[in-house]
Amino acid sequence: MKKIVITLNTVGSLAAIRAGKRVVVDLMDLWSCDPEGLRLNALDYYVLRRAWQVWAWSKAITALLRRIGVTNVRYVPFGIDLDQFDPMKVPVSLFFERYRDLEGRILTGYSGGMWFVNGREVIGVEKVIRAFKLVENEIKDDAILVLQTSKSVIPIIKKYGVRNYAYINQTKLSNDPLRLSLLHALDIKVLTATKYLPVYLAERTTMFQYMASGGAIIAEKTPGTLGVLRHMYNAYMVNLDDVNAMAQAMLELINDKKLRTNLGNNARRDVETRYSINAISRDIRSYLNL
């Protein structure tokens, strides 16, 4: 049997193909995205079509590659390793010991990065702030916006005049116990997006982290998120860039604890059964005939 070589780029893949190896190209995110669209040069296209397998980390990217003639593509979701990242195993008390004034309040927010490309923030975090501001006057003071991200967000919060908010410093590690406890404590987590292709097509790490942590998810509809999330099953879905709909989702979920619980339970169950490392590794072993 030919040796299997797994590569992360087409240059290495070409060399392995010419050496007679069975080559798997692990795309992770599409490296050939730029702000204007998808780019595949001649080398990329040649290698992707001739590799033994191509692994794409979202259903959207899988479908896109098949449409352009890459028929040997397999869907391998990024998923999550619950042995290394499990907010449900970290008590919310750890977070509330540090932020006592937030205990007992309904926490709505975002925990993740901000990504700037050519001076433009391409994750869409500002929309969370705009949406919360729209409903702030309609909700009780026991609801608060919680943001754990870059300090670049602070001037944006002040620009929109949000009163009830808490800014939480980012932790050095994504699975720092404080962050895990925060994710567990958040009643509503907002997963934003933009049309920037690496975000638009991706099944992002943040999505799986949210799903693992309980509580409700509000997610903007993109080809990436729709590969995993279903409206009113494991998330409350809103159209991309529809801030009014995002605000309405916040209002509805703030007032409906049962819905928050059901969405969170279903999302967690999906992570355990479909998107845990154990579940994904079974698929990978079958792809490799192991």
C-alpha atoms as a PDB file:
ATOM      1  CA  MET A   1       0.000   0.000   0.000  1.00  0.00           C
ATOM      2  CA  LYS A   2       1.255   3.466  -0.828  1.00  0.00           C
ATOM      3  CA  LYS A   3       2.229   5.647   2.097  1.00  0.00           C
ATOM      4  CA  ILE A   4      -0.255   8.372   2.979  1.00  0.00           C
ATOM      5  CA  VAL A   5       1.068  11.907   3.204  1.00  0.00           C
ATOM      6  CA  ILE A   6      -1.077  14.656   4.722  1.00  0.00           C
ATOM      7  CA  THR A   7      -0.062  18.168   3.688  1.00  0.00           C
ATOM      8  CA  LEU A   8      -1.261  21.700   4.395  1.00  0.00           C
ATOM      9  CA  ASN A   9      -0.200  23.322   1.120  1.00  0.00           C
ATOM     10  CA  THR A  10      -0.160  22.538  -2.580  1.00  0.00           C
ATOM     11  CA  VAL A  11       3.602  22.897  -3.016  1.00  0.00           C
ATOM     12  CA  GLY A  12       4.308  20.044  -0.631  1.00  0.00           C
ATOM     13  CA  SER A  13       1.415  18.118  -2.106  1.00  0.00           C
ATOM     14  CA  LEU A  14       2.825  18.319  -5.620  1.00  0.00           C
ATOM     15  CA  ALA A  15       6.159  16.912  -4.494  1.00  0.00           C
ATOM     16  CA  ALA A  16       4.444  14.033  -2.667  1.00  0.00           C
ATOM     17  CA  ILE A  17       2.197  13.243  -5.653  1.00  0.00           C
ATOM     18  CA  ARG A  18       5.211  13.075  -7.955  1.00  0.00           C
ATOM     19  CA  ALA A  19       6.933  10.798  -5.444  1.00  0.00           C
ATOM     20  CA  GLY A  20       4.030   8.373  -5.811  1.00  0.00           C
ATOM     21  CA  LYS A  21       2.435   8.939  -2.400  1.00  0.00           C
ATOM     22  CA  ARG A  22      -1.247   8.969  -1.539  1.00  0.00           C
ATOM     23  CA  VAL A  23      -1.719  12.639  -0.782  1.00  0.00           C
ATOM     24  CA  VAL A  24      -4.345  14.175   1.474  1.00  0.00           C
ATOM     25  CA  VAL A  25      -4.548  17.968   1.257  1.00  0.00           C
ATOM     26  CA  ASP A  26      -5.841  19.303   4.577  1.00  0.00           C
ATOM     27  CA  LEU A  27      -7.293  22.675   3.638  1.00  0.00           C
ATOM     28  CA  MET A  28      -8.213  23.886   7.088  1.00  0.00           C
ATOM     29  CA  ASP A  29      -9.616  27.249   5.970  1.00  0.00           C
ATOM     30  CA  LEU A  30      -9.330  28.045   2.277  1.00  0.00           C
ATOM     31  CA  TRP A  31      -5.908  29.676   2.014  1.00  0.00           C
ATOM     32  CA  SER A  32      -6.839  31.015  -1.411  1.00  0.00           C
ATOM     33  CA  CYS A  33      -9.346  33.567  -0.126  1.00  0.00           C
ATOM     34  CA  ASP A  34      -8.781  37.278  -0.307  1.00  0.00           C
ATOM     35  CA  PRO A  35     -11.128  40.211   0.435  1.00  0.00           C
ATOM     36  CA  GLU A  36     -12.474  40.178  -3.111  1.00  0.00           C
ATOM     37  CA  GLY A  37     -13.176  36.475  -3.526  1.00  0.00           C
ATOM     38  CA  LEU A  38     -11.757  33.023  -4.122  1.00  0.00           C
ATOM     39  CA  ARG A  39      -8.442  32.580  -5.906  1.00  0.00           C
ATOM     40  CA  LEU A  40      -7.109  29.262  -7.137  1.00  0.00           C
ATOM     41  CA  ASN A  41      -3.950  29.393  -9.211  1.00  0.00           C
ATOM     42  CA  ALA A  42      -2.979  26.682 -11.694  1.00  0.00           C
ATOM     43  CA  LEU A  43      -0.896  24.795  -9.114  1.00  0.00           C
ATOM     44  CA  ASP A  44      -3.736  24.801  -6.560  1.00  0.00           C
ATOM     45  CA  TYR A  45      -6.253  23.501  -9.082  1.00  0.00           C
ATOM     46  CA  TYR A  46      -3.900  20.852 -10.468  1.00  0.00           C
ATOM     47  CA  VAL A  47      -3.017  19.485  -7.035  1.00  0.00           C
ATOM     48  CA  LEU A  48      -6.537  19.584  -5.591  1.00  0.00           C
ATOM     49  CA  ARG A  49      -7.865  17.544  -8.504  1.00  0.00           C
ATOM     50  CA  ARG A  50      -5.060  14.995  -8.413  1.00  0.00           C
ATOM     51  CA  ALA A  51      -4.689  14.495  -4.685  1.00  0.00           C
ATOM     52  CA  TRP A  52      -6.057  11.241  -3.293  1.00  0.00           C
ATOM     53  CA  GLN A  53      -8.294  13.242  -0.956  1.00  0.00           C
ATOM     54  CA  VAL A  54      -8.931  16.874  -0.049  1.00  0.00           C
ATOM     55  CA  TRP A  55     -10.239  17.617   3.439  1.00  0.00           C
ATOM     56  CA  ALA A  56     -12.386  20.724   3.793  1.00  0.00           C
ATOM     57  CA  TRP A  57     -13.301  22.053   7.211  1.00  0.00           C
ATOM     58  CA  SER A  58     -16.786  23.265   6.343  1.00  0.00           C
ATOM     59  CA  LYS A  59     -19.715  21.937   4.317  1.00  0.00           C
ATOM     60  CA  ALA A  60     -19.759  25.223   2.394  1.00  0.00           C
ATOM     61  CA  ILE A  61     -16.150  24.849   1.240  1.00  0.00           C
ATOM     62  CA  THR A  62     -16.794  21.180   0.436  1.00  0.00           C
ATOM     63  CA  ALA A  63     -19.715  22.127  -1.819  1.00  0.00           C
ATOM     64  CA  LEU A  64     -17.763  24.961  -3.442  1.00  0.00           C
ATOM     65  CA  LEU A  65     -14.842  22.703  -4.365  1.00  0.00           C
ATOM     66  CA  ARG A  66     -17.155  20.079  -5.815  1.00  0.00           C
ATOM     67  CA  ARG A  67     -18.813  22.713  -7.997  1.00  0.00           C
ATOM     68  CA  ILE A  68     -15.452  23.613  -9.542  1.00  0.00           C
ATOM     69  CA  GLY A  69     -14.520  20.017 -10.258  1.00  0.00           C
ATOM     70  CA  VAL A  70     -12.675  18.867  -7.115  1.00  0.00           C
ATOM     71  CA  THR A  71     -14.654  15.661  -6.622  1.00  0.00           C
ATOM     72  CA  ASN A  72     -12.285  13.936  -4.194  1.00  0.00           C
ATOM     73  CA  VAL A  73     -13.132  16.314  -1.331  1.00  0.00           C
ATOM     74  CA  ARG A  74     -14.227  15.089   2.110  1.00  0.00           C
ATOM     75  CA  TYR A  75     -15.909  17.094   4.854  1.00  0.00           C
ATOM     76  CA  VAL A  76     -13.832  17.062   8.043  1.00  0.00           C
ATOM     77  CA  PRO A  77     -15.240  19.570  10.535  1.00  0.00           C
ATOM     78  CA  PHE A  78     -12.857  21.302  12.895  1.00  0.00           C
ATOM     79  CA  GLY A  79     -15.005  20.358  15.871  1.00  0.00           C
ATOM     80  CA  ILE A  80     -13.715  20.505  19.421  1.00  0.00           C
ATOM     81  CA  ASP A  81     -11.710  18.417  21.863  1.00  0.00           C
ATOM     82  CA  LEU A  82     -13.869  18.248  24.969  1.00  0.00           C
ATOM     83  CA  ASP A  83     -10.944  16.860  26.957  1.00  0.00           C
ATOM     84  CA  GLN A  84      -9.128  20.151  26.387  1.00  0.00           C
ATOM     85  CA  PHE A  85     -12.043  22.589  26.050  1.00  0.00           C
ATOM     86  CA  ASP A  86     -15.220  21.944  28.031  1.00  0.00           C
ATOM     87  CA  PRO A  87     -16.928  24.962  29.612  1.00  0.00           C
ATOM     88  CA  MET A  88     -19.563  22.739  31.193  1.00  0.00           C
ATOM     89  CA  LYS A  89     -16.910  21.207  33.465  1.00  0.00           C
ATOM     90  CA  VAL A  90     -15.940  24.615  34.864  1.00  0.00           C
ATOM     91  CA  PRO A  91     -18.422  26.090  37.361  1.00  0.00           C
ATOM     92  CA  VAL A  92     -19.886  29.522  36.680  1.00  0.00           C
ATOM     93  CA  SER A  93     -18.900  30.447  40.240  1.00  0.00           C
ATOM     94  CA  LEU A  94     -15.300  30.867  39.061  1.00  0.00           C
ATOM     95  CA  PHE A  95     -16.353  33.748  36.824  1.00  0.00           C
ATOM     96  CA  PHE A  96     -18.768  35.276  39.314  1.00  0.00           C
ATOM     97  CA  GLU A  97     -16.162  35.262  42.081  1.00  0.00           C
ATOM     98  CA  ARG A  98     -14.199  37.692  39.917  1.00  0.00           C
ATOM     99  CA  TYR A  99     -17.230  39.664  38.658  1.00  0.00           C
ATOM    100  CA  ARG A 100     -19.656  39.578  41.565  1.00  0.00           C
ATOM    101  CA  ASP A 101     -21.840  42.424  40.254  1.00  0.00           C
ATOM    102  CA  LEU A 102     -22.828  40.289  37.223  1.00  0.00           C
ATOM    103  CA  GLU A 103     -24.191  37.359  39.215  1.00  0.00           C
ATOM    104  CA  GLY A 104     -27.940  36.915  38.871  1.00  0.00           C
ATOM    105  CA  ARG A 105     -28.133  38.999  35.706  1.00  0.00           C
ATOM    106  CA  ILE A 106     -28.933  37.760  32.190  1.00  0.00           C
ATOM    107  CA  LEU A 107     -25.643  37.835  30.331  1.00  0.00           C
ATOM    108  CA  THR A 108     -25.676  38.440  26.577  1.00  0.00           C
ATOM    109  CA  GLY A 109     -22.467  38.814  24.678  1.00  0.00           C
ATOM    110  CA  TYR A 110     -19.453  37.725  22.727  1.00  0.00           C
ATOM    111  CA  SER A 111     -16.200  35.996  23.634  1.00  0.00           C
ATOM    112  CA  GLY A 112     -13.632  35.736  20.872  1.00  0.00           C
ATOM    113  CA  GLY A 113     -11.300  37.759  18.732  1.00  0.00           C
ATOM    114  CA  MET A 114     -11.591  40.770  16.498  1.00  0.00           C
ATOM    115  CA  TRP A 115      -9.907  40.357  13.126  1.00  0.00           C
ATOM    116  CA  PHE A 116      -8.755  43.409  11.176  1.00  0.00           C
ATOM    117  CA  VAL A 117      -7.937  43.111   7.461  1.00  0.00           C
ATOM    118  CA  ASN A 118      -6.806  46.252   5.643  1.00  0.00           C
ATOM    119  CA  GLY A 119      -8.170  48.291   8.539  1.00  0.00           C
ATOM    120  CA  ARG A 120     -11.612  46.650   8.427  1.00  0.00           C
ATOM    121  CA  GLU A 121     -12.900  44.402  11.213  1.00  0.00           C
ATOM    122  CA  VAL A 122     -14.118  41.257   9.467  1.00  0.00           C
ATOM    123  CA  ILE A 123     -15.749  39.311  12.336  1.00  0.00           C
ATOM    124  CA  GLY A 124     -18.589  41.817  12.746  1.00  0.00           C
ATOM    125  CA  VAL A 125     -18.407  42.328  16.515  1.00  0.00           C
ATOM    126  CA  GLU A 126     -19.766  45.873  16.287  1.00  0.00           C
ATOM    127  CA  LYS A 127     -23.177  44.449  15.343  1.00  0.00           C
ATOM    128  CA  VAL A 128     -23.537  42.862  18.794  1.00  0.00           C
ATOM    129  CA  ILE A 129     -23.196  46.301  20.356  1.00  0.00           C
ATOM    130  CA  ARG A 130     -25.593  47.949  17.916  1.00  0.00           C
ATOM    131  CA  ALA A 131     -28.219  45.244  18.470  1.00  0.00           C
ATOM    132  CA  PHE A 132     -28.001  45.408  22.250  1.00  0.00           C
ATOM    133  CA  LYS A 133     -28.347  49.200  22.146  1.00  0.00           C
ATOM    134  CA  LEU A 134     -31.600  48.827  20.185  1.00  0.00           C
ATOM    135  CA  VAL A 135     -33.199  46.755  22.961  1.00  0.00           C
ATOM    136  CA  GLU A 136     -31.481  48.232  25.996  1.00  0.00           C
ATOM    137  CA  ASN A 137     -34.406  50.503  26.803  1.00  0.00           C
ATOM    138  CA  GLU A 138     -36.914  47.637  26.479  1.00  0.00           C
ATOM    139  CA  ILE A 139     -35.249  45.185  28.841  1.00  0.00           C
ATOM    140  CA  LYS A 140     -34.840  45.153  32.553  1.00  0.00           C
ATOM    141  CA  ASP A 141     -31.600  46.307  34.108  1.00  0.00           C
ATOM    142  CA  ASP A 142     -30.840  42.704  35.026  1.00  0.00           C
ATOM    143  CA  ALA A 143     -29.760  42.089  31.406  1.00  0.00           C
ATOM    144  CA  ILE A 144     -26.228  43.150  30.541  1.00  0.00           C
ATOM    145  CA  LEU A 145     -23.918  43.069  27.533  1.00  0.00           C
ATOM    146  CA  VAL A 146     -20.676  41.173  28.207  1.00  0.00           C
ATOM    147  CA  LEU A 147     -17.773  41.420  25.775  1.00  0.00           C
ATOM    148  CA  GLN A 148     -14.518  39.517  26.064  1.00  0.00           C
ATOM    149  CA  THR A 149     -12.447  40.531  23.080  1.00  0.00           C
ATOM    150  CA  SER A 150      -9.840  43.047  21.940  1.00  0.00           C
ATOM    151  CA  LYS A 151      -9.761  46.376  23.770  1.00  0.00           C
ATOM    152  CA  SER A 152     -10.486  47.896  20.365  1.00  0.00           C
ATOM    153  CA  VAL A 153     -14.133  47.258  21.196  1.00  0.00           C
ATOM    154  CA  ILE A 154     -14.247  49.757  24.075  1.00  0.00           C
ATOM    155  CA  PRO A 155     -14.422  52.927  21.918  1.00  0.00           C
ATOM    156  CA  ILE A 156     -17.211  51.260  19.906  1.00  0.00           C
ATOM    157  CA  ILE A 157     -19.229  50.576  23.066  1.00  0.00           C
ATOM    158  CA  LYS A 158     -18.836  54.208  24.069  1.00  0.00           C
ATOM    159  CA  LYS A 159     -19.725  55.423  20.573  1.00  0.00           C
ATOM    160  CA  TYR A 160     -23.132  53.756  20.765  1.00  0.00           C
ATOM    161  CA  GLY A 161     -23.728  54.804  24.361  1.00  0.00           C
ATOM    162  CA  VAL A 162     -24.492  51.363  25.792  1.00  0.00           C
ATOM    163  CA  ARG A 163     -25.101  51.743  29.534  1.00  0.00           C
ATOM    164  CA  ASN A 164     -25.325  48.170  30.802  1.00  0.00           C
ATOM    165  CA  TYR A 165     -22.132  46.452  29.746  1.00  0.00           C
ATOM    166  CA  ALA A 166     -19.075  44.714  31.133  1.00  0.00           C
ATOM    167  CA  TYR A 167     -15.761  44.450  29.343  1.00  0.00           C
ATOM    168  CA  ILE A 168     -13.736  41.349  30.240  1.00  0.00           C
ATOM    169  CA  ASN A 169     -10.029  41.190  29.473  1.00  0.00           C
ATOM    170  CA  GLN A 170      -8.976  38.481  27.057  1.00  0.00           C
ATOM    171  CA  THR A 171      -7.143  35.498  28.481  1.00  0.00           C
ATOM    172  CA  LYS A 172      -3.837  34.312  27.027  1.00  0.00           C
ATOM    173  CA  LEU A 173      -5.229  30.830  26.385  1.00  0.00           C
ATOM    174  CA  SER A 174      -8.576  30.161  24.732  1.00  0.00           C
ATOM    175  CA  ASN A 175      -9.266  27.429  27.296  1.00  0.00           C
ATOM    176  CA  ASP A 176      -8.216  29.434  30.327  1.00  0.00           C
ATOM    177  CA  PRO A 177     -10.559  28.371  33.180  1.00  0.00           C
ATOM    178  CA  LEU A 178     -11.824  31.950  33.546  1.00  0.00           C
ATOM    179  CA  ARG A 179     -12.884  32.060  29.888  1.00  0.00           C
ATOM    180  CA  LEU A 180     -14.468  28.610  30.106  1.00  0.00           C
ATOM    181  CA  SER A 181     -16.411  29.742  33.158  1.00  0.00           C
ATOM    182  CA  LEU A 182     -17.502  32.911  31.334  1.00  0.00           C
ATOM    183  CA  LEU A 183     -18.759  30.904  28.353  1.00  0.00           C
ATOM    184  CA  HIS A 184     -20.664  28.647  30.738  1.00  0.00           C
ATOM    185  CA  ALA A 185     -22.154  31.696  32.461  1.00  0.00           C
ATOM    186  CA  LEU A 186     -23.264  33.514  29.303  1.00  0.00           C
ATOM    187  CA  ASP A 187     -26.997  32.998  28.809  1.00  0.00           C
ATOM    188  CA  ILE A 188     -26.863  34.214  25.203  1.00  0.00           C
ATOM    189  CA  LYS A 189     -23.805  34.101  22.945  1.00  0.00           C
ATOM    190  CA  VAL A 190     -23.776  35.990  19.650  1.00  0.00           C
ATOM    191  CA  LEU A 191     -21.912  34.530  16.672  1.00  0.00           C
ATOM    192  CA  THR A 192     -21.385  37.309  14.159  1.00  0.00           C
ATOM    193  CA  ALA A 193     -20.100  37.100  10.598  1.00  0.00           C
ATOM    194  CA  THR A 194     -19.293  39.145   7.492  1.00  0.00           C
ATOM    195  CA  LYS A 195     -18.941  38.455   3.785  1.00  0.00           C
ATOM    196  CA  TYR A 196     -15.166  38.143   4.130  1.00  0.00           C
ATOM    197  CA  LEU A 197     -14.784  34.644   2.679  1.00  0.00           C
ATOM    198  CA  PRO A 198     -12.626  33.016   5.392  1.00  0.00           C
ATOM    199  CA  VAL A 199     -15.389  34.017   7.825  1.00  0.00           C
ATOM    200  CA  TYR A 200     -18.363  33.655   5.469  1.00  0.00           C
ATOM    201  CA  LEU A 201     -17.559  30.072   4.444  1.00  0.00           C
ATOM    202  CA  ALA A 202     -16.001  28.854   7.682  1.00  0.00           C
ATOM    203  CA  GLU A 203     -17.313  26.691  10.473  1.00  0.00           C
ATOM    204  CA  ARG A 204     -15.429  28.750  12.998  1.00  0.00           C
ATOM    205  CA  THR A 205     -13.784  27.554  16.182  1.00  0.00           C
ATOM    206  CA  THR A 206     -15.854  30.068  18.141  1.00  0.00           C
ATOM    207  CA  MET A 207     -19.071  28.411  16.949  1.00  0.00           C
ATOM    208  CA  PHE A 208     -18.061  25.014  18.331  1.00  0.00           C
ATOM    209  CA  GLN A 209     -16.853  26.619  21.561  1.00  0.00           C
ATOM    210  CA  TYR A 210     -20.249  28.284  21.955  1.00  0.00           C
ATOM    211  CA  MET A 211     -22.058  25.033  21.223  1.00  0.00           C
ATOM    212  CA  ALA A 212     -20.063  23.228  23.905  1.00  0.00           C
ATOM    213  CA  SER A 213     -20.890  25.755  26.597  1.00  0.00           C
ATOM    214  CA  GLY A 214     -24.686  25.624  26.987  1.00  0.00           C
ATOM    215  CA  GLY A 215     -26.965  28.627  26.753  1.00  0.00           C
ATOM    216  CA  ALA A 216     -28.469  30.004  23.565  1.00  0.00           C
ATOM    217  CA  ILE A 217     -26.599  31.029  20.431  1.00  0.00           C
ATOM    218  CA  ILE A 218     -27.683  33.836  18.131  1.00  0.00           C
ATOM    219  CA  ALA A 219     -25.952  33.293  14.781  1.00  0.00           C
ATOM    220  CA  GLU A 220     -25.928  35.187  11.526  1.00  0.00           C
ATOM    221  CA  LYS A 221     -26.781  33.049   8.517  1.00  0.00           C
ATOM    222  CA  THR A 222     -23.820  32.275   6.288  1.00  0.00           C
ATOM    223  CA  PRO A 223     -22.969  29.196   4.217  1.00  0.00           C
ATOM    224  CA  GLY A 224     -20.565  28.292   7.029  1.00  0.00           C
ATOM    225  CA  THR A 225     -22.953  28.523   9.968  1.00  0.00           C
ATOM    226  CA  LEU A 226     -25.830  26.894   8.075  1.00  0.00           C
ATOM    227  CA  GLY A 227     -23.738  23.763   7.687  1.00  0.00           C
ATOM    228  CA  VAL A 228     -23.987  23.169  11.437  1.00  0.00           C
ATOM    229  CA  LEU A 229     -26.702  25.348  12.984  1.00  0.00           C
ATOM    230  CA  ARG A 230     -30.465  25.090  12.500  1.00  0.00           C
ATOM    231  CA  HIS A 231     -32.936  27.807  13.396  1.00  0.00           C
ATOM    232  CA  MET A 232     -34.814  27.149  16.627  1.00  0.00           C
ATOM    233  CA  TYR A 233     -33.112  23.781  17.057  1.00  0.00           C
ATOM    234  CA  ASN A 234     -29.559  24.560  18.183  1.00  0.00           C
ATOM    235  CA  ALA A 235     -29.433  28.308  17.501  1.00  0.00           C
ATOM    236  CA  TYR A 236     -31.538  31.374  16.828  1.00  0.00           C
ATOM    237  CA  MET A 237     -30.594  32.277  13.244  1.00  0.00           C
ATOM    238  CA  VAL A 238     -30.859  35.784  11.771  1.00  0.00           C
ATOM    239  CA  ASN A 239     -30.018  37.102   8.329  1.00  0.00           C
ATOM    240  CA  LEU A 240     -26.495  38.374   7.819  1.00  0.00           C
ATOM    241  CA  ASP A 241     -26.104  42.069   8.693  1.00  0.00           C
ATOM    242  CA  ASP A 242     -29.711  42.347   9.935  1.00  0.00           C
ATOM    243  CA  VAL A 243     -29.059  44.170  13.199  1.00  0.00           C
ATOM    244  CA  ASN A 244     -32.762  44.683  13.857  1.00  0.00           C
ATOM    245  CA  ALA A 245     -33.356  40.924  13.659  1.00  0.00           C
ATOM    246  CA  MET A 246     -30.401  40.329  15.966  1.00  0.00           C
ATOM    247  CA  ALA A 247     -31.883  42.778  18.452  1.00  0.00           C
ATOM    248  CA  GLN A 248     -35.260  41.027  18.262  1.00  0.00           C
ATOM    249  CA  ALA A 249     -33.561  37.685  18.880  1.00  0.00           C
ATOM    250  CA  MET A 250     -31.833  39.118  21.952  1.00  0.00           C
ATOM    251  CA  LEU A 251     -35.123  40.452  23.278  1.00  0.00           C
ATOM    252  CA  GLU A 252     -36.943  37.169  22.726  1.00  0.00           C
ATOM    253  CA  LEU A 253     -34.224  35.064  24.321  1.00  0.00           C
ATOM    254  CA  ILE A 254     -33.766  37.388  27.287  1.00  0.00           C
ATOM    255  CA  ASN A 255     -37.457  36.907  28.027  1.00  0.00           C
ATOM    256  CA  ASP A 256     -37.633  33.152  27.352  1.00  0.00           C
ATOM    257  CA  LYS A 257     -35.459  31.018  29.615  1.00  0.00           C
ATOM    258  CA  LYS A 258     -37.004  27.774  28.345  1.00  0.00           C
ATOM    259  CA  LEU A 259     -36.028  28.570  24.753  1.00  0.00           C
ATOM    260  CA  ARG A 260     -32.488  29.450  25.844  1.00  0.00           C
ATOM    261  CA  THR A 261     -32.202  26.128  27.641  1.00  0.00           C
ATOM    262  CA  ASN A 262     -33.574  24.063  24.742  1.00  0.00           C
ATOM    263  CA  LEU A 263     -31.281  25.684  22.180  1.00  0.00           C
ATOM    264  CA  GLY A 264     -28.280  25.251  24.443  1.00  0.00           C
ATOM    265  CA  ASN A 265     -29.039  21.606  25.233  1.00  0.00           C
ATOM    266  CA  ASN A 266     -29.416  20.723  21.556  1.00  0.00           C
ATOM    267  CA  ALA A 267     -26.201  22.499  20.613  1.00  0.00           C
ATOM    268  CA  ARG A 268     -24.283  20.691  23.334  1.00  0.00           C
ATOM    269  CA  ARG A 269     -25.713  17.338  22.257  1.00  0.00           C
ATOM    270  CA  ASP A 270     -24.620  17.974  18.666  1.00  0.00           C
ATOM    271  CA  VAL A 271     -21.081  18.741  19.810  1.00  0.00           C
ATOM    272  CA  GLU A 272     -20.905  15.520  21.792  1.00  0.00           C
ATOM    273  CA  THR A 273     -22.320  13.289  19.051  1.00  0.00           C
ATOM    274  CA  ARG A 274     -21.108  14.936  15.818  1.00  0.00           C
ATOM    275  CA  TYR A 275     -18.357  17.445  16.433  1.00  0.00           C
ATOM    276  CA  SER A 276     -16.213  16.053  19.230  1.00  0.00           C
ATOM    277  CA  ILE A 277     -12.723  14.875  18.360  1.00  0.00           C
ATOM    278  CA  ASN A 278     -13.797  11.300  19.077  1.00  0.00           C
ATOM    279  CA  ALA A 279     -16.657  11.490  16.569  1.00  0.00           C
ATOM    280  CA  ILE A 280     -14.544  13.212  13.919  1.00  0.00           C
ATOM    281  CA  SER A 281     -11.620  10.808  14.329  1.00  0.00           C
ATOM    282  CA  ARG A 282     -13.919   7.895  13.475  1.00  0.00           C
ATOM    283  CA  ASP A 283     -14.741   9.540  10.145  1.00  0.00           C
ATOM    284  CA  ILE A 284     -11.078  10.280   9.452  1.00  0.00           C
ATOM    285  CA  ARG A 285     -10.095   6.677  10.111  1.00  0.00           C
ATOM    286  CA  SER A 286     -12.753   5.504   7.656  1.00  0.00           C
ATOM    287  CA  TYR A 287     -11.537   7.986   5.019  1.00  0.00           C
ATOM    288  CA  LEU A 288      -8.002   6.634   5.412  1.00  0.00           C
ATOM    289  CA  ASN A 289      -9.184   3.010   5.429  1.00  0.00           C
ATOM    290  CA  LEU A 290      -7.648   2.457   8.869  1.00  0.00           C
END
